Amino acid sequence: MSPVYRTLVALALAAAFAAAPVRCEQQVLALDPAASKVSFTLPATGHTVKGRLGVKSGRIAFNPATGAASGQIVIDLKSASTGSESRDKNMHDEVLESSKYPLAVFRAEKLRGAVAPSGSSQVTLDGTLSFHGTDHTMSLPAQVSVKNGRLEAEARFEIPFVAWGLRDPSVLFLRVSKVVAVKIRAVGTLGNGGGAAAGAS
């Protein structure tokens, strides 16, 4: 093989490797529903209503190189409770209509920021929230901590539920905020998904 031919072959191989897709192993977060919690606060006349909901399931896959994400977190709206039987009945029957809309589902689309393999990270998960029969684009900023494959994350955001079409529970002299503050504490395991994530380039 002549030196010129060897040089041409080397250049061709280098170009092929340069053009080949960069594969990055997918990461998968599998939530532990029993350990994960959702809480909410709603300011009202003379007091603040506090409540909680259960996480039904959750699995998020993402590509660390591109940020492409998929999967969903499912919240059980029928589990919503404020500790007052009469108030909870009104919340489920008149506001959430949880018999008709029993679930809220956040579908992940993009992860902004890097999840450190160990220690703390600040990321934002972009996606769509299906709530009360309507889809809403949302971004969830989250503080993340990873230790020995165990991940804990906390995200805070607000839902303008009246603007989204839910009933305003205010009556007479009892006025209730039209925006509810929500906090999600997600706990689960973080591991490899076995292959390149969708969207890798």
N, C-alpha and C. Protein backbone atom coordinates (compact mmCIF):
# COMPACT_ATOMS: atom_id res chain seq x y z
N MET A 1 0.85 -1.19 0.00
CA MET A 1 0.00 0.00 0.00
C MET A 1 0.89 1.24 0.00
N SER A 2 0.67 2.13 -0.94
CA SER A 2 1.52 3.31 -1.07
C SER A 2 1.23 4.29 0.06
N PRO A 3 2.20 5.16 0.35
CA PRO A 3 1.99 6.15 1.40
C PRO A 3 0.79 7.07 1.11
N VAL A 4 0.61 7.41 -0.16
CA VAL A 4 -0.50 8.28 -0.53
C VAL A 4 -1.84 7.59 -0.27
N TYR A 5 -1.90 6.29 -0.63
CA TYR A 5 -3.14 5.53 -0.44
C TYR A 5 -3.45 5.39 1.04
N ARG A 6 -2.39 5.12 1.84
CA ARG A 6 -2.59 5.00 3.29
C ARG A 6 -3.11 6.31 3.88
N THR A 7 -2.59 7.41 3.38
CA THR A 7 -3.03 8.72 3.86
C THR A 7 -4.50 8.96 3.53
N LEU A 8 -4.89 8.59 2.31
CA LEU A 8 -6.29 8.77 1.89
C LEU A 8 -7.22 7.91 2.75
N VAL A 9 -6.81 6.66 3.04
CA VAL A 9 -7.62 5.78 3.87
C VAL A 9 -7.76 6.35 5.28
N ALA A 10 -6.68 6.86 5.84
CA ALA A 10 -6.72 7.44 7.18
C ALA A 10 -7.65 8.64 7.24
N LEU A 11 -7.59 9.48 6.20
CA LEU A 11 -8.46 10.65 6.15
C LEU A 11 -9.94 10.24 6.04
N ALA A 12 -10.20 9.21 5.24
CA ALA A 12 -11.57 8.74 5.08
C ALA A 12 -12.12 8.19 6.39
N LEU A 13 -11.29 7.41 7.12
CA LEU A 13 -11.73 6.88 8.40
C LEU A 13 -11.98 7.98 9.42
N ALA A 14 -11.11 8.97 9.42
CA ALA A 14 -11.28 10.10 10.35
C ALA A 14 -12.57 10.85 10.06
N ALA A 15 -12.86 11.05 8.77
CA ALA A 15 -14.09 11.74 8.39
C ALA A 15 -15.31 10.93 8.80
N ALA A 16 -15.23 9.61 8.64
CA ALA A 16 -16.36 8.75 9.01
C ALA A 16 -16.65 8.79 10.50
N PHE A 17 -15.57 8.76 11.30
CA PHE A 17 -15.76 8.82 12.75
C PHE A 17 -16.30 10.18 13.17
N ALA A 18 -15.85 11.24 12.49
CA ALA A 18 -16.32 12.58 12.83
C ALA A 18 -17.80 12.75 12.53
N ALA A 19 -18.25 12.08 11.45
CA ALA A 19 -19.65 12.21 11.05
C ALA A 19 -20.57 11.26 11.78
N ALA A 20 -20.02 10.26 12.46
CA ALA A 20 -20.86 9.26 13.13
C ALA A 20 -21.59 9.88 14.31
N PRO A 21 -22.82 9.45 14.56
CA PRO A 21 -23.56 9.98 15.70
C PRO A 21 -22.85 9.69 17.02
N VAL A 22 -22.87 10.70 17.88
CA VAL A 22 -22.29 10.53 19.21
C VAL A 22 -23.35 9.91 20.10
N ARG A 23 -23.11 8.69 20.56
CA ARG A 23 -24.08 7.99 21.38
C ARG A 23 -23.83 8.26 22.86
N CYS A 24 -24.88 8.65 23.53
CA CYS A 24 -24.77 8.92 24.97
C CYS A 24 -25.79 8.05 25.68
N GLU A 25 -25.34 7.33 26.67
CA GLU A 25 -26.21 6.39 27.33
C GLU A 25 -27.35 7.09 28.06
N GLN A 26 -28.54 6.63 27.81
CA GLN A 26 -29.74 7.19 28.40
C GLN A 26 -29.75 6.98 29.92
N GLN A 27 -30.23 7.99 30.63
CA GLN A 27 -30.43 7.90 32.07
C GLN A 27 -31.92 7.79 32.34
N VAL A 28 -32.28 6.99 33.34
CA VAL A 28 -33.69 6.79 33.66
C VAL A 28 -33.91 7.01 35.16
N LEU A 29 -34.88 7.86 35.45
CA LEU A 29 -35.31 8.06 36.83
C LEU A 29 -36.63 7.31 37.04
N ALA A 30 -36.62 6.33 37.94
CA ALA A 30 -37.82 5.58 38.29
C ALA A 30 -38.27 6.03 39.68
N LEU A 31 -39.42 6.67 39.76
CA LEU A 31 -39.89 7.21 41.03
C LEU A 31 -40.40 6.11 41.96
N ASP A 32 -40.24 6.37 43.24
CA ASP A 32 -40.82 5.54 44.30
C ASP A 32 -42.10 6.26 44.75
N PRO A 33 -43.28 5.82 44.29
CA PRO A 33 -44.52 6.54 44.61
C PRO A 33 -44.77 6.68 46.11
N ALA A 34 -44.40 5.67 46.90
CA ALA A 34 -44.65 5.72 48.33
C ALA A 34 -43.81 6.80 49.03
N ALA A 35 -42.60 7.05 48.50
CA ALA A 35 -41.70 8.03 49.12
C ALA A 35 -41.88 9.42 48.54
N SER A 36 -42.48 9.52 47.35
CA SER A 36 -42.67 10.81 46.68
C SER A 36 -43.95 11.47 47.18
N LYS A 37 -43.93 12.79 47.32
CA LYS A 37 -45.07 13.51 47.87
C LYS A 37 -45.36 14.77 47.07
N VAL A 38 -46.63 15.15 47.04
CA VAL A 38 -47.05 16.42 46.46
C VAL A 38 -47.86 17.17 47.51
N SER A 39 -47.50 18.42 47.75
CA SER A 39 -48.25 19.24 48.70
C SER A 39 -48.66 20.54 48.02
N PHE A 40 -49.69 21.19 48.57
CA PHE A 40 -50.14 22.46 47.97
C PHE A 40 -50.62 23.40 49.06
N THR A 41 -50.56 24.70 48.77
CA THR A 41 -51.07 25.73 49.68
C THR A 41 -51.92 26.70 48.88
N LEU A 42 -53.01 27.13 49.50
CA LEU A 42 -53.95 28.04 48.85
C LEU A 42 -54.37 29.12 49.85
N PRO A 43 -53.87 30.34 49.69
CA PRO A 43 -54.26 31.42 50.60
C PRO A 43 -55.76 31.70 50.53
N ALA A 44 -56.37 31.92 51.70
CA ALA A 44 -57.79 32.24 51.78
C ALA A 44 -57.99 33.29 52.86
N THR A 45 -59.20 33.82 52.97
CA THR A 45 -59.48 34.85 53.95
C THR A 45 -59.19 34.36 55.37
N GLY A 46 -58.25 34.99 56.03
CA GLY A 46 -57.94 34.67 57.42
C GLY A 46 -57.10 33.43 57.66
N HIS A 47 -56.80 32.67 56.63
CA HIS A 47 -56.00 31.46 56.83
C HIS A 47 -55.45 30.97 55.49
N THR A 48 -54.61 29.96 55.54
CA THR A 48 -54.07 29.33 54.34
C THR A 48 -54.43 27.86 54.34
N VAL A 49 -55.06 27.41 53.28
CA VAL A 49 -55.42 26.00 53.16
C VAL A 49 -54.19 25.21 52.72
N LYS A 50 -53.89 24.13 53.45
CA LYS A 50 -52.77 23.26 53.09
C LYS A 50 -53.28 21.86 52.80
N GLY A 51 -52.70 21.23 51.79
CA GLY A 51 -53.15 19.89 51.44
C GLY A 51 -52.05 19.05 50.83
N ARG A 52 -52.42 17.83 50.49
CA ARG A 52 -51.43 16.91 49.93
C ARG A 52 -52.12 16.00 48.91
N LEU A 53 -51.30 15.42 48.03
CA LEU A 53 -51.77 14.46 47.05
C LEU A 53 -50.76 13.34 46.95
N GLY A 54 -51.18 12.21 46.39
CA GLY A 54 -50.28 11.08 46.21
C GLY A 54 -49.75 11.00 44.79
N VAL A 55 -48.55 10.46 44.66
CA VAL A 55 -47.95 10.18 43.36
C VAL A 55 -48.33 8.75 42.97
N LYS A 56 -48.95 8.58 41.81
CA LYS A 56 -49.40 7.26 41.38
C LYS A 56 -48.27 6.48 40.71
N SER A 57 -47.48 7.16 39.87
CA SER A 57 -46.35 6.52 39.19
C SER A 57 -45.47 7.59 38.57
N GLY A 58 -44.27 7.19 38.17
CA GLY A 58 -43.37 8.15 37.52
C GLY A 58 -42.13 7.50 36.95
N ARG A 59 -41.83 7.82 35.72
CA ARG A 59 -40.60 7.35 35.07
C ARG A 59 -40.19 8.37 34.02
N ILE A 60 -38.98 8.90 34.17
CA ILE A 60 -38.46 9.90 33.24
C ILE A 60 -37.13 9.41 32.67
N ALA A 61 -37.03 9.38 31.34
CA ALA A 61 -35.78 9.03 30.66
C ALA A 61 -35.24 10.28 29.98
N PHE A 62 -33.91 10.45 30.02
CA PHE A 62 -33.34 11.64 29.39
C PHE A 62 -31.95 11.34 28.85
N ASN A 63 -31.57 12.10 27.84
CA ASN A 63 -30.26 12.01 27.23
C ASN A 63 -29.38 13.13 27.82
N PRO A 64 -28.35 12.81 28.59
CA PRO A 64 -27.53 13.86 29.20
C PRO A 64 -26.86 14.78 28.20
N ALA A 65 -26.61 14.29 26.98
CA ALA A 65 -25.90 15.10 25.98
C ALA A 65 -26.82 16.11 25.30
N THR A 66 -28.04 15.70 24.97
CA THR A 66 -28.95 16.56 24.21
C THR A 66 -30.06 17.16 25.05
N GLY A 67 -30.35 16.55 26.20
CA GLY A 67 -31.45 17.02 27.02
C GLY A 67 -32.80 16.46 26.61
N ALA A 68 -32.86 15.70 25.51
CA ALA A 68 -34.12 15.10 25.09
C ALA A 68 -34.66 14.21 26.20
N ALA A 69 -35.95 14.36 26.50
CA ALA A 69 -36.54 13.61 27.61
C ALA A 69 -37.89 13.03 27.21
N SER A 70 -38.28 11.99 27.91
CA SER A 70 -39.57 11.36 27.69
C SER A 70 -40.04 10.75 29.00
N GLY A 71 -41.25 10.21 28.99
CA GLY A 71 -41.80 9.62 30.21
C GLY A 71 -42.77 10.57 30.88
N GLN A 72 -43.30 10.16 32.04
CA GLN A 72 -44.32 10.97 32.69
C GLN A 72 -44.36 10.74 34.19
N ILE A 73 -44.96 11.72 34.88
CA ILE A 73 -45.25 11.63 36.30
C ILE A 73 -46.76 11.75 36.45
N VAL A 74 -47.36 10.79 37.14
CA VAL A 74 -48.81 10.73 37.28
C VAL A 74 -49.20 11.03 38.73
N ILE A 75 -50.06 12.05 38.90
CA ILE A 75 -50.52 12.46 40.22
C ILE A 75 -51.98 12.01 40.41
N ASP A 76 -52.27 11.42 41.55
CA ASP A 76 -53.61 10.94 41.86
C ASP A 76 -54.43 12.07 42.48
N LEU A 77 -55.27 12.73 41.67
CA LEU A 77 -56.07 13.85 42.16
C LEU A 77 -57.15 13.40 43.14
N LYS A 78 -57.60 12.17 43.03
CA LYS A 78 -58.63 11.68 43.95
C LYS A 78 -58.09 11.53 45.37
N SER A 79 -56.76 11.56 45.51
CA SER A 79 -56.16 11.44 46.85
C SER A 79 -56.00 12.81 47.52
N ALA A 80 -56.35 13.90 46.84
CA ALA A 80 -56.18 15.24 47.40
C ALA A 80 -56.94 15.39 48.71
N SER A 81 -56.25 15.91 49.72
CA SER A 81 -56.86 16.04 51.05
C SER A 81 -56.33 17.28 51.74
N THR A 82 -57.23 18.00 52.45
CA THR A 82 -56.83 19.17 53.23
C THR A 82 -57.07 18.95 54.72
N GLY A 83 -57.64 17.80 55.09
CA GLY A 83 -57.91 17.52 56.49
C GLY A 83 -59.28 17.93 56.95
N SER A 84 -60.09 18.53 56.06
CA SER A 84 -61.45 18.91 56.41
C SER A 84 -62.40 18.15 55.49
N GLU A 85 -63.25 17.31 56.07
CA GLU A 85 -64.14 16.45 55.26
C GLU A 85 -65.06 17.26 54.36
N SER A 86 -65.69 18.31 54.90
CA SER A 86 -66.63 19.11 54.10
C SER A 86 -65.90 19.89 53.01
N ARG A 87 -64.74 20.44 53.35
CA ARG A 87 -63.96 21.20 52.37
C ARG A 87 -63.45 20.27 51.27
N ASP A 88 -63.00 19.08 51.67
CA ASP A 88 -62.49 18.14 50.68
C ASP A 88 -63.60 17.67 49.73
N LYS A 89 -64.80 17.48 50.27
CA LYS A 89 -65.92 17.07 49.41
C LYS A 89 -66.20 18.15 48.37
N ASN A 90 -66.20 19.41 48.80
CA ASN A 90 -66.43 20.51 47.86
C ASN A 90 -65.30 20.59 46.84
N MET A 91 -64.06 20.39 47.31
CA MET A 91 -62.90 20.45 46.41
C MET A 91 -63.02 19.39 45.31
N HIS A 92 -63.39 18.17 45.70
CA HIS A 92 -63.47 17.08 44.72
C HIS A 92 -64.69 17.20 43.82
N ASP A 93 -65.84 17.58 44.40
CA ASP A 93 -67.08 17.63 43.63
C ASP A 93 -67.19 18.86 42.74
N GLU A 94 -66.77 20.03 43.28
CA GLU A 94 -67.03 21.28 42.59
C GLU A 94 -65.82 21.90 41.90
N VAL A 95 -64.63 21.62 42.39
CA VAL A 95 -63.44 22.28 41.82
C VAL A 95 -62.64 21.30 40.97
N LEU A 96 -62.07 20.28 41.58
CA LEU A 96 -61.26 19.33 40.82
C LEU A 96 -62.10 18.43 39.91
N GLU A 97 -63.34 18.18 40.32
CA GLU A 97 -64.18 17.21 39.61
C GLU A 97 -63.40 15.91 39.39
N SER A 98 -62.86 15.41 40.50
CA SER A 98 -61.91 14.30 40.41
C SER A 98 -62.55 12.98 39.98
N SER A 99 -63.86 12.85 40.10
CA SER A 99 -64.49 11.63 39.58
C SER A 99 -64.43 11.61 38.05
N LYS A 100 -64.41 12.78 37.44
CA LYS A 100 -64.33 12.90 35.98
C LYS A 100 -62.89 13.02 35.51
N TYR A 101 -62.06 13.73 36.30
CA TYR A 101 -60.65 13.94 35.97
C TYR A 101 -59.79 13.43 37.13
N PRO A 102 -59.60 12.13 37.25
CA PRO A 102 -58.93 11.56 38.43
C PRO A 102 -57.42 11.73 38.46
N LEU A 103 -56.80 12.08 37.32
CA LEU A 103 -55.35 12.14 37.26
C LEU A 103 -54.85 13.46 36.68
N ALA A 104 -53.67 13.88 37.13
CA ALA A 104 -52.91 14.94 36.49
C ALA A 104 -51.63 14.29 36.00
N VAL A 105 -51.28 14.51 34.74
CA VAL A 105 -50.13 13.83 34.14
C VAL A 105 -49.17 14.85 33.54
N PHE A 106 -47.93 14.83 34.03
CA PHE A 106 -46.88 15.68 33.46
C PHE A 106 -46.04 14.82 32.52
N ARG A 107 -45.98 15.21 31.25
CA ARG A 107 -45.20 14.48 30.24
C ARG A 107 -43.93 15.26 29.92
N ALA A 108 -42.79 14.63 30.16
CA ALA A 108 -41.49 15.30 29.98
C ALA A 108 -41.10 15.39 28.51
N GLU A 109 -40.44 16.49 28.16
CA GLU A 109 -39.99 16.70 26.79
C GLU A 109 -38.52 17.13 26.70
N LYS A 110 -38.05 17.88 27.70
CA LYS A 110 -36.69 18.42 27.63
C LYS A 110 -36.15 18.66 29.03
N LEU A 111 -34.88 18.27 29.24
CA LEU A 111 -34.21 18.54 30.51
C LEU A 111 -33.12 19.57 30.25
N ARG A 112 -33.21 20.69 30.96
CA ARG A 112 -32.20 21.74 30.85
C ARG A 112 -31.33 21.72 32.10
N GLY A 113 -30.02 21.65 31.87
CA GLY A 113 -29.08 21.52 32.97
C GLY A 113 -28.62 20.07 33.09
N ALA A 114 -27.57 19.86 33.85
CA ALA A 114 -26.98 18.53 33.98
C ALA A 114 -27.22 17.97 35.37
N VAL A 115 -27.64 16.70 35.42
CA VAL A 115 -27.80 16.00 36.69
C VAL A 115 -26.46 15.37 37.06
N ALA A 116 -25.85 15.86 38.13
CA ALA A 116 -24.56 15.32 38.56
C ALA A 116 -24.74 13.88 39.05
N PRO A 117 -23.79 12.98 38.74
CA PRO A 117 -23.90 11.59 39.19
C PRO A 117 -23.88 11.45 40.70
N SER A 118 -23.38 12.48 41.38
CA SER A 118 -23.36 12.48 42.84
C SER A 118 -23.38 13.93 43.32
N GLY A 119 -24.14 14.21 44.37
CA GLY A 119 -24.20 15.56 44.88
C GLY A 119 -25.41 16.32 44.35
N SER A 120 -25.34 17.65 44.44
CA SER A 120 -26.48 18.50 44.11
C SER A 120 -26.40 19.08 42.71
N SER A 121 -27.56 19.30 42.12
CA SER A 121 -27.67 19.91 40.80
C SER A 121 -28.93 20.77 40.75
N GLN A 122 -28.92 21.73 39.84
CA GLN A 122 -30.11 22.54 39.58
C GLN A 122 -30.50 22.34 38.12
N VAL A 123 -31.69 21.84 37.87
CA VAL A 123 -32.14 21.56 36.50
C VAL A 123 -33.55 22.10 36.31
N THR A 124 -33.99 22.10 35.05
CA THR A 124 -35.37 22.47 34.73
C THR A 124 -35.93 21.43 33.76
N LEU A 125 -37.08 20.89 34.10
CA LEU A 125 -37.73 19.89 33.25
C LEU A 125 -38.90 20.53 32.53
N ASP A 126 -38.83 20.59 31.20
CA ASP A 126 -39.89 21.16 30.39
C ASP A 126 -40.82 20.06 29.91
N GLY A 127 -42.11 20.39 29.81
CA GLY A 127 -43.05 19.39 29.33
C GLY A 127 -44.46 19.93 29.28
N THR A 128 -45.42 19.01 29.30
CA THR A 128 -46.84 19.35 29.21
C THR A 128 -47.60 18.72 30.37
N LEU A 129 -48.41 19.53 31.04
CA LEU A 129 -49.25 19.04 32.13
C LEU A 129 -50.68 18.87 31.64
N SER A 130 -51.18 17.64 31.68
CA SER A 130 -52.58 17.37 31.36
C SER A 130 -53.37 17.43 32.67
N PHE A 131 -54.25 18.42 32.77
CA PHE A 131 -54.94 18.69 34.03
C PHE A 131 -56.36 19.16 33.75
N HIS A 132 -57.34 18.47 34.33
CA HIS A 132 -58.75 18.85 34.19
C HIS A 132 -59.17 18.92 32.72
N GLY A 133 -58.67 17.98 31.93
CA GLY A 133 -59.07 17.87 30.53
C GLY A 133 -58.37 18.78 29.55
N THR A 134 -57.35 19.51 30.02
CA THR A 134 -56.65 20.45 29.15
C THR A 134 -55.14 20.30 29.31
N ASP A 135 -54.39 20.50 28.23
CA ASP A 135 -52.93 20.43 28.28
C ASP A 135 -52.34 21.83 28.44
N HIS A 136 -51.32 21.93 29.29
CA HIS A 136 -50.66 23.21 29.55
C HIS A 136 -49.15 23.01 29.50
N THR A 137 -48.45 23.86 28.74
CA THR A 137 -47.00 23.82 28.70
C THR A 137 -46.45 24.34 30.02
N MET A 138 -45.49 23.58 30.61
CA MET A 138 -44.93 23.97 31.89
C MET A 138 -43.44 23.70 31.95
N SER A 139 -42.77 24.44 32.82
CA SER A 139 -41.36 24.22 33.13
C SER A 139 -41.24 24.05 34.64
N LEU A 140 -40.58 22.97 35.06
CA LEU A 140 -40.43 22.68 36.48
C LEU A 140 -38.98 22.83 36.90
N PRO A 141 -38.60 23.96 37.52
CA PRO A 141 -37.25 24.08 38.07
C PRO A 141 -37.12 23.19 39.29
N ALA A 142 -36.02 22.45 39.38
CA ALA A 142 -35.89 21.48 40.47
C ALA A 142 -34.48 21.47 41.04
N GLN A 143 -34.41 21.32 42.35
CA GLN A 143 -33.15 21.09 43.04
C GLN A 143 -33.01 19.59 43.21
N VAL A 144 -31.91 19.03 42.71
CA VAL A 144 -31.72 17.58 42.66
C VAL A 144 -30.52 17.18 43.50
N SER A 145 -30.65 16.05 44.20
CA SER A 145 -29.55 15.49 44.97
C SER A 145 -29.46 14.00 44.68
N VAL A 146 -28.24 13.53 44.36
CA VAL A 146 -28.03 12.12 44.04
C VAL A 146 -26.97 11.55 44.97
N LYS A 147 -27.27 10.36 45.53
CA LYS A 147 -26.31 9.66 46.37
C LYS A 147 -26.50 8.17 46.20
N ASN A 148 -25.43 7.50 45.75
CA ASN A 148 -25.46 6.04 45.56
C ASN A 148 -26.64 5.58 44.70
N GLY A 149 -26.92 6.34 43.63
CA GLY A 149 -27.99 5.97 42.72
C GLY A 149 -29.38 6.35 43.18
N ARG A 150 -29.49 6.90 44.38
CA ARG A 150 -30.78 7.34 44.91
C ARG A 150 -30.93 8.83 44.64
N LEU A 151 -32.03 9.22 44.02
CA LEU A 151 -32.24 10.63 43.65
C LEU A 151 -33.41 11.21 44.42
N GLU A 152 -33.20 12.43 44.91
CA GLU A 152 -34.26 13.20 45.52
C GLU A 152 -34.32 14.55 44.82
N ALA A 153 -35.52 14.99 44.47
CA ALA A 153 -35.68 16.26 43.78
C ALA A 153 -36.86 17.02 44.36
N GLU A 154 -36.74 18.34 44.41
CA GLU A 154 -37.84 19.17 44.88
C GLU A 154 -38.12 20.25 43.85
N ALA A 155 -39.37 20.34 43.42
CA ALA A 155 -39.79 21.33 42.44
C ALA A 155 -40.96 22.12 42.99
N ARG A 156 -40.95 23.43 42.76
CA ARG A 156 -42.04 24.30 43.20
C ARG A 156 -42.57 25.08 42.00
N PHE A 157 -43.88 25.18 41.90
CA PHE A 157 -44.49 25.93 40.81
C PHE A 157 -45.90 26.34 41.21
N GLU A 158 -46.54 27.17 40.39
CA GLU A 158 -47.89 27.65 40.67
C GLU A 158 -48.84 27.24 39.56
N ILE A 159 -50.08 26.98 39.93
CA ILE A 159 -51.11 26.64 38.96
C ILE A 159 -52.24 27.67 39.08
N PRO A 160 -52.47 28.46 38.04
CA PRO A 160 -53.59 29.43 38.05
C PRO A 160 -54.90 28.70 37.73
N PHE A 161 -55.40 27.94 38.67
CA PHE A 161 -56.48 26.98 38.38
C PHE A 161 -57.76 27.63 37.87
N VAL A 162 -58.07 28.84 38.33
CA VAL A 162 -59.29 29.51 37.84
C VAL A 162 -59.11 29.92 36.39
N ALA A 163 -57.94 30.47 36.05
CA ALA A 163 -57.66 30.83 34.66
C ALA A 163 -57.65 29.60 33.76
N TRP A 164 -57.36 28.44 34.34
CA TRP A 164 -57.34 27.19 33.56
C TRP A 164 -58.73 26.55 33.45
N GLY A 165 -59.74 27.23 33.95
CA GLY A 165 -61.10 26.74 33.75
C GLY A 165 -61.75 26.05 34.92
N LEU A 166 -61.07 25.97 36.08
CA LEU A 166 -61.67 25.35 37.25
C LEU A 166 -62.52 26.38 38.01
N ARG A 167 -63.45 25.89 38.77
CA ARG A 167 -64.37 26.76 39.50
C ARG A 167 -63.66 27.49 40.63
N ASP A 168 -64.00 28.77 40.82
CA ASP A 168 -63.50 29.57 41.93
C ASP A 168 -64.31 29.21 43.17
N PRO A 169 -63.65 28.64 44.21
CA PRO A 169 -64.39 28.22 45.40
C PRO A 169 -64.76 29.35 46.36
N SER A 170 -64.45 30.59 46.02
CA SER A 170 -64.78 31.72 46.90
C SER A 170 -66.29 31.85 47.07
N VAL A 171 -66.72 32.11 48.31
CA VAL A 171 -68.14 32.32 48.60
C VAL A 171 -68.29 33.47 49.59
N LEU A 172 -69.27 34.34 49.36
CA LEU A 172 -69.58 35.45 50.24
C LEU A 172 -68.31 36.16 50.74
N PHE A 173 -68.07 36.08 52.06
CA PHE A 173 -66.93 36.78 52.64
C PHE A 173 -65.66 35.93 52.68
N LEU A 174 -65.77 34.69 52.24
CA LEU A 174 -64.59 33.82 52.20
C LEU A 174 -63.99 33.90 50.80
N ARG A 175 -62.87 34.59 50.71
CA ARG A 175 -62.21 34.74 49.42
C ARG A 175 -61.00 33.82 49.37
N VAL A 176 -60.84 33.16 48.24
CA VAL A 176 -59.76 32.20 48.04
C VAL A 176 -58.90 32.63 46.87
N SER A 177 -57.59 32.48 47.00
CA SER A 177 -56.69 32.82 45.90
C SER A 177 -57.03 32.02 44.66
N LYS A 178 -56.79 32.63 43.50
CA LYS A 178 -57.05 31.94 42.23
C LYS A 178 -55.82 31.20 41.72
N VAL A 179 -54.78 31.19 42.54
CA VAL A 179 -53.53 30.50 42.19
C VAL A 179 -53.12 29.61 43.35
N VAL A 180 -52.84 28.34 43.06
CA VAL A 180 -52.41 27.41 44.10
C VAL A 180 -50.92 27.13 43.93
N ALA A 181 -50.18 27.16 45.04
CA ALA A 181 -48.75 26.86 45.02
C ALA A 181 -48.55 25.37 45.27
N VAL A 182 -47.73 24.75 44.44
CA VAL A 182 -47.54 23.30 44.50
C VAL A 182 -46.06 22.97 44.73
N LYS A 183 -45.81 21.97 45.56
CA LYS A 183 -44.44 21.48 45.76
C LYS A 183 -44.43 19.98 45.55
N ILE A 184 -43.50 19.52 44.70
CA ILE A 184 -43.32 18.09 44.46
C ILE A 184 -42.00 17.65 45.05
N ARG A 185 -42.03 16.63 45.88
CA ARG A 185 -40.80 16.00 46.38
C ARG A 185 -40.75 14.62 45.75
N ALA A 186 -39.87 14.48 44.77
CA ALA A 186 -39.75 13.22 44.03
C ALA A 186 -38.56 12.43 44.53
N VAL A 187 -38.79 11.15 44.82
CA VAL A 187 -37.73 10.26 45.31
C VAL A 187 -37.73 9.01 44.44
N GLY A 188 -36.54 8.59 44.01
CA GLY A 188 -36.47 7.39 43.19
C GLY A 188 -35.04 6.97 42.93
N THR A 189 -34.88 6.06 41.99
CA THR A 189 -33.56 5.57 41.63
C THR A 189 -33.17 6.08 40.26
N LEU A 190 -31.89 6.40 40.11
CA LEU A 190 -31.35 6.89 38.84
C LEU A 190 -30.38 5.87 38.30
N GLY A 191 -30.61 5.43 37.06
CA GLY A 191 -29.73 4.43 36.47
C GLY A 191 -29.64 4.57 34.98
N ASN A 192 -28.84 3.71 34.35
CA ASN A 192 -28.68 3.73 32.91
C ASN A 192 -29.87 3.06 32.24
N GLY A 193 -30.23 3.61 31.06
CA GLY A 193 -31.38 3.08 30.34
C GLY A 193 -31.01 2.02 29.34
N GLY A 194 -29.72 1.74 29.17
CA GLY A 194 -29.31 0.69 28.24
C GLY A 194 -29.38 1.10 26.80
N GLY A 195 -28.55 2.04 26.40
CA GLY A 195 -28.52 2.46 25.00
C GLY A 195 -28.63 3.95 24.87
N ALA A 196 -28.57 4.44 23.64
CA ALA A 196 -28.63 5.87 23.39
C ALA A 196 -30.06 6.34 23.51
N ALA A 197 -30.25 7.51 24.12
CA ALA A 197 -31.59 8.07 24.25
C ALA A 197 -32.05 8.64 22.94
N ALA A 198 -33.35 8.71 22.79
CA ALA A 198 -33.90 9.31 21.59
C ALA A 198 -33.45 10.75 21.49
N GLY A 199 -33.16 11.18 20.30
CA GLY A 199 -32.73 12.55 20.10
C GLY A 199 -31.23 12.72 20.16
N ALA A 200 -30.46 11.67 20.38
CA ALA A 200 -29.02 11.80 20.42
C ALA A 200 -28.53 12.16 19.04
N SER A 201 -27.49 12.97 19.03
CA SER A 201 -26.93 13.38 17.74
C SER A 201 -25.43 13.52 17.87
